[in-house]
Amino acid sequence: MSATELLTNSLANFINIYLLLIFVRILLTWFQTVEWMNQVAAFLSPITDPYLNLFRSFVPPIGGLDLSPILAIIVLNILSQLFTSI
């Protein structure tokens, strides 16, 4: 395996793990009443919110619903597929 393949595979794996963290973070916002979930959300917020805030700055909430994570996930999926196809 060449260094380029190793790097692109590593980046694709990192993006996939980050996608999983974003999914977990989004799901935890739906279950705010469970005490232990608040601790997990507090751990994930500093990791995922900087990336999500990039999209929140130009995708306004519609009817109180934040749609920016959808765009953020789409961008990460495209990047992951690009790195996988290289």
N, C-alpha and C. Protein backbone atom coordinates (compact mmCIF):
# COMPACT_ATOMS: atom_id res chain seq x y z
N MET A 1 0.85 -1.18 0.00
CA MET A 1 0.00 0.00 0.00
C MET A 1 0.90 1.24 0.00
N SER A 2 0.60 2.15 -0.89
CA SER A 2 1.42 3.35 -0.99
C SER A 2 1.01 4.37 0.07
N ALA A 3 1.84 5.37 0.22
CA ALA A 3 1.58 6.42 1.20
C ALA A 3 0.32 7.21 0.84
N THR A 4 0.09 7.40 -0.45
CA THR A 4 -1.10 8.14 -0.89
C THR A 4 -2.37 7.37 -0.56
N GLU A 5 -2.36 6.07 -0.80
CA GLU A 5 -3.52 5.24 -0.46
C GLU A 5 -3.78 5.23 1.04
N LEU A 6 -2.71 5.14 1.81
CA LEU A 6 -2.84 5.15 3.26
C LEU A 6 -3.44 6.47 3.73
N LEU A 7 -2.95 7.56 3.19
CA LEU A 7 -3.46 8.88 3.58
C LEU A 7 -4.93 9.06 3.20
N THR A 8 -5.29 8.70 1.99
CA THR A 8 -6.68 8.89 1.55
C THR A 8 -7.62 7.95 2.32
N ASN A 9 -7.19 6.72 2.58
CA ASN A 9 -8.02 5.81 3.38
C ASN A 9 -8.17 6.32 4.80
N SER A 10 -7.10 6.85 5.37
CA SER A 10 -7.16 7.40 6.72
C SER A 10 -8.11 8.59 6.79
N LEU A 11 -8.03 9.48 5.80
CA LEU A 11 -8.93 10.64 5.78
C LEU A 11 -10.38 10.21 5.60
N ALA A 12 -10.63 9.24 4.74
CA ALA A 12 -12.00 8.75 4.55
C ALA A 12 -12.53 8.11 5.83
N ASN A 13 -11.69 7.36 6.54
CA ASN A 13 -12.11 6.76 7.81
C ASN A 13 -12.36 7.81 8.87
N PHE A 14 -11.51 8.83 8.93
CA PHE A 14 -11.72 9.91 9.88
C PHE A 14 -13.04 10.62 9.61
N ILE A 15 -13.33 10.88 8.36
CA ILE A 15 -14.59 11.56 8.00
C ILE A 15 -15.78 10.68 8.38
N ASN A 16 -15.68 9.39 8.16
CA ASN A 16 -16.78 8.50 8.52
C ASN A 16 -17.00 8.46 10.04
N ILE A 17 -15.93 8.46 10.81
CA ILE A 17 -16.06 8.49 12.26
C ILE A 17 -16.66 9.83 12.70
N TYR A 18 -16.24 10.91 12.08
CA TYR A 18 -16.79 12.23 12.41
C TYR A 18 -18.28 12.30 12.05
N LEU A 19 -18.66 11.67 10.94
CA LEU A 19 -20.07 11.59 10.58
C LEU A 19 -20.87 10.87 11.65
N LEU A 20 -20.33 9.79 12.17
CA LEU A 20 -20.99 9.06 13.23
C LEU A 20 -21.16 9.93 14.47
N LEU A 21 -20.13 10.68 14.83
CA LEU A 21 -20.22 11.57 15.98
C LEU A 21 -21.29 12.65 15.77
N ILE A 22 -21.40 13.16 14.56
CA ILE A 22 -22.42 14.16 14.26
C ILE A 22 -23.81 13.54 14.37
N PHE A 23 -23.99 12.34 13.84
CA PHE A 23 -25.28 11.66 13.95
C PHE A 23 -25.68 11.45 15.41
N VAL A 24 -24.72 11.00 16.22
CA VAL A 24 -25.01 10.79 17.64
C VAL A 24 -25.37 12.11 18.30
N ARG A 25 -24.63 13.15 18.00
CA ARG A 25 -24.90 14.48 18.57
C ARG A 25 -26.30 14.96 18.20
N ILE A 26 -26.70 14.77 16.95
CA ILE A 26 -28.02 15.20 16.50
C ILE A 26 -29.11 14.38 17.20
N LEU A 27 -28.91 13.09 17.28
CA LEU A 27 -29.90 12.25 17.95
C LEU A 27 -30.05 12.59 19.43
N LEU A 28 -28.95 12.94 20.07
CA LEU A 28 -29.01 13.28 21.49
C LEU A 28 -29.79 14.56 21.75
N THR A 29 -29.89 15.43 20.77
CA THR A 29 -30.67 16.65 20.97
C THR A 29 -32.16 16.34 21.07
N TRP A 30 -32.57 15.17 20.59
CA TRP A 30 -33.98 14.78 20.67
C TRP A 30 -34.32 14.19 22.03
N PHE A 31 -33.33 13.73 22.80
CA PHE A 31 -33.57 13.07 24.09
C PHE A 31 -32.87 13.83 25.22
N GLN A 32 -33.26 15.06 25.43
CA GLN A 32 -32.58 15.90 26.41
C GLN A 32 -33.00 15.62 27.85
N THR A 33 -34.02 14.81 28.05
CA THR A 33 -34.51 14.57 29.41
C THR A 33 -33.74 13.48 30.14
N VAL A 34 -33.00 12.65 29.45
CA VAL A 34 -32.23 11.57 30.08
C VAL A 34 -30.90 12.14 30.56
N GLU A 35 -30.60 11.95 31.85
CA GLU A 35 -29.44 12.60 32.48
C GLU A 35 -28.10 12.20 31.85
N TRP A 36 -27.87 10.92 31.63
CA TRP A 36 -26.55 10.50 31.13
C TRP A 36 -26.33 10.96 29.69
N MET A 37 -27.42 11.18 28.94
CA MET A 37 -27.26 11.64 27.57
C MET A 37 -26.77 13.08 27.52
N ASN A 38 -27.11 13.86 28.55
CA ASN A 38 -26.61 15.24 28.60
C ASN A 38 -25.09 15.26 28.74
N GLN A 39 -24.54 14.31 29.48
CA GLN A 39 -23.08 14.24 29.64
C GLN A 39 -22.41 13.88 28.31
N VAL A 40 -23.00 12.96 27.57
CA VAL A 40 -22.45 12.58 26.27
C VAL A 40 -22.55 13.75 25.30
N ALA A 41 -23.69 14.43 25.31
CA ALA A 41 -23.86 15.60 24.44
C ALA A 41 -22.88 16.70 24.80
N ALA A 42 -22.63 16.89 26.10
CA ALA A 42 -21.66 17.90 26.52
C ALA A 42 -20.25 17.54 26.06
N PHE A 43 -19.94 16.24 25.96
CA PHE A 43 -18.65 15.81 25.46
C PHE A 43 -18.54 16.01 23.95
N LEU A 44 -19.63 15.73 23.22
CA LEU A 44 -19.61 15.81 21.76
C LEU A 44 -19.75 17.24 21.23
N SER A 45 -20.36 18.11 21.98
CA SER A 45 -20.60 19.49 21.50
C SER A 45 -19.33 20.20 21.07
N PRO A 46 -18.27 20.22 21.89
CA PRO A 46 -17.07 20.93 21.44
C PRO A 46 -16.39 20.29 20.23
N ILE A 47 -16.67 19.02 19.99
CA ILE A 47 -16.07 18.32 18.86
C ILE A 47 -16.83 18.59 17.56
N THR A 48 -18.16 18.58 17.64
CA THR A 48 -18.97 18.67 16.43
C THR A 48 -19.50 20.07 16.14
N ASP A 49 -19.72 20.87 17.16
CA ASP A 49 -20.34 22.18 16.94
C ASP A 49 -19.52 23.15 16.09
N PRO A 50 -18.20 23.18 16.18
CA PRO A 50 -17.47 24.11 15.29
C PRO A 50 -17.74 23.84 13.81
N TYR A 51 -17.80 22.57 13.43
CA TYR A 51 -18.10 22.24 12.03
C TYR A 51 -19.55 22.57 11.70
N LEU A 52 -20.48 22.21 12.58
CA LEU A 52 -21.89 22.49 12.33
C LEU A 52 -22.17 23.98 12.30
N ASN A 53 -21.45 24.75 13.09
CA ASN A 53 -21.65 26.21 13.12
C ASN A 53 -21.28 26.87 11.80
N LEU A 54 -20.37 26.25 11.05
CA LEU A 54 -20.05 26.79 9.72
C LEU A 54 -21.29 26.84 8.85
N PHE A 55 -22.13 25.84 8.94
CA PHE A 55 -23.33 25.76 8.11
C PHE A 55 -24.49 26.52 8.74
N ARG A 56 -24.51 26.62 10.06
CA ARG A 56 -25.57 27.38 10.73
C ARG A 56 -25.48 28.87 10.41
N SER A 57 -24.30 29.33 10.05
CA SER A 57 -24.13 30.75 9.77
C SER A 57 -24.81 31.18 8.48
N PHE A 58 -25.01 30.26 7.53
CA PHE A 58 -25.68 30.68 6.30
C PHE A 58 -26.91 29.84 5.94
N VAL A 59 -27.31 28.89 6.81
CA VAL A 59 -28.56 28.15 6.62
C VAL A 59 -29.45 28.47 7.81
N PRO A 60 -30.39 29.41 7.63
CA PRO A 60 -31.23 29.79 8.77
C PRO A 60 -32.23 28.69 9.13
N PRO A 61 -32.63 28.64 10.40
CA PRO A 61 -33.66 27.67 10.79
C PRO A 61 -34.98 27.97 10.08
N ILE A 62 -35.67 26.92 9.70
CA ILE A 62 -36.96 27.07 9.02
C ILE A 62 -38.03 26.54 9.97
N GLY A 63 -38.89 27.41 10.43
CA GLY A 63 -39.94 27.01 11.35
C GLY A 63 -39.40 26.45 12.66
N GLY A 64 -38.27 26.96 13.12
CA GLY A 64 -37.66 26.47 14.35
C GLY A 64 -36.87 25.19 14.18
N LEU A 65 -36.77 24.69 12.96
CA LEU A 65 -36.05 23.45 12.67
C LEU A 65 -34.70 23.78 12.03
N ASP A 66 -33.63 23.32 12.66
CA ASP A 66 -32.28 23.57 12.16
C ASP A 66 -31.93 22.54 11.09
N LEU A 67 -31.85 22.98 9.85
CA LEU A 67 -31.55 22.08 8.74
C LEU A 67 -30.08 22.08 8.35
N SER A 68 -29.27 22.87 9.02
CA SER A 68 -27.86 22.96 8.67
C SER A 68 -27.11 21.63 8.83
N PRO A 69 -27.45 20.77 9.81
CA PRO A 69 -26.73 19.49 9.88
C PRO A 69 -26.92 18.62 8.65
N ILE A 70 -28.04 18.75 7.96
CA ILE A 70 -28.25 17.97 6.75
C ILE A 70 -27.22 18.35 5.70
N LEU A 71 -27.03 19.65 5.50
CA LEU A 71 -26.04 20.11 4.54
C LEU A 71 -24.63 19.72 4.99
N ALA A 72 -24.35 19.81 6.28
CA ALA A 72 -23.04 19.44 6.80
C ALA A 72 -22.75 17.95 6.55
N ILE A 73 -23.76 17.11 6.73
CA ILE A 73 -23.60 15.68 6.51
C ILE A 73 -23.41 15.38 5.02
N ILE A 74 -24.14 16.08 4.17
CA ILE A 74 -23.99 15.88 2.72
C ILE A 74 -22.57 16.23 2.28
N VAL A 75 -22.04 17.34 2.78
CA VAL A 75 -20.68 17.74 2.41
C VAL A 75 -19.66 16.71 2.88
N LEU A 76 -19.82 16.20 4.11
CA LEU A 76 -18.89 15.18 4.60
C LEU A 76 -19.00 13.89 3.79
N ASN A 77 -20.21 13.51 3.40
CA ASN A 77 -20.38 12.32 2.57
C ASN A 77 -19.68 12.47 1.22
N ILE A 78 -19.82 13.63 0.62
CA ILE A 78 -19.15 13.88 -0.66
C ILE A 78 -17.63 13.80 -0.49
N LEU A 79 -17.11 14.41 0.56
CA LEU A 79 -15.67 14.35 0.81
C LEU A 79 -15.20 12.91 1.04
N SER A 80 -15.96 12.16 1.81
CA SER A 80 -15.60 10.77 2.07
C SER A 80 -15.57 9.96 0.78
N GLN A 81 -16.56 10.17 -0.07
CA GLN A 81 -16.60 9.45 -1.35
C GLN A 81 -15.45 9.86 -2.26
N LEU A 82 -15.08 11.14 -2.22
CA LEU A 82 -13.93 11.60 -3.02
C LEU A 82 -12.65 10.91 -2.57
N PHE A 83 -12.44 10.86 -1.25
CA PHE A 83 -11.23 10.22 -0.74
C PHE A 83 -11.23 8.73 -1.00
N THR A 84 -12.40 8.11 -0.96
CA THR A 84 -12.48 6.67 -1.21
C THR A 84 -12.22 6.35 -2.67
N SER A 85 -12.65 7.23 -3.57
CA SER A 85 -12.49 6.96 -4.99
C SER A 85 -11.08 7.23 -5.52
N ILE A 86 -10.29 7.95 -4.76
CA ILE A 86 -8.93 8.28 -5.22
C ILE A 86 -8.04 7.04 -5.19
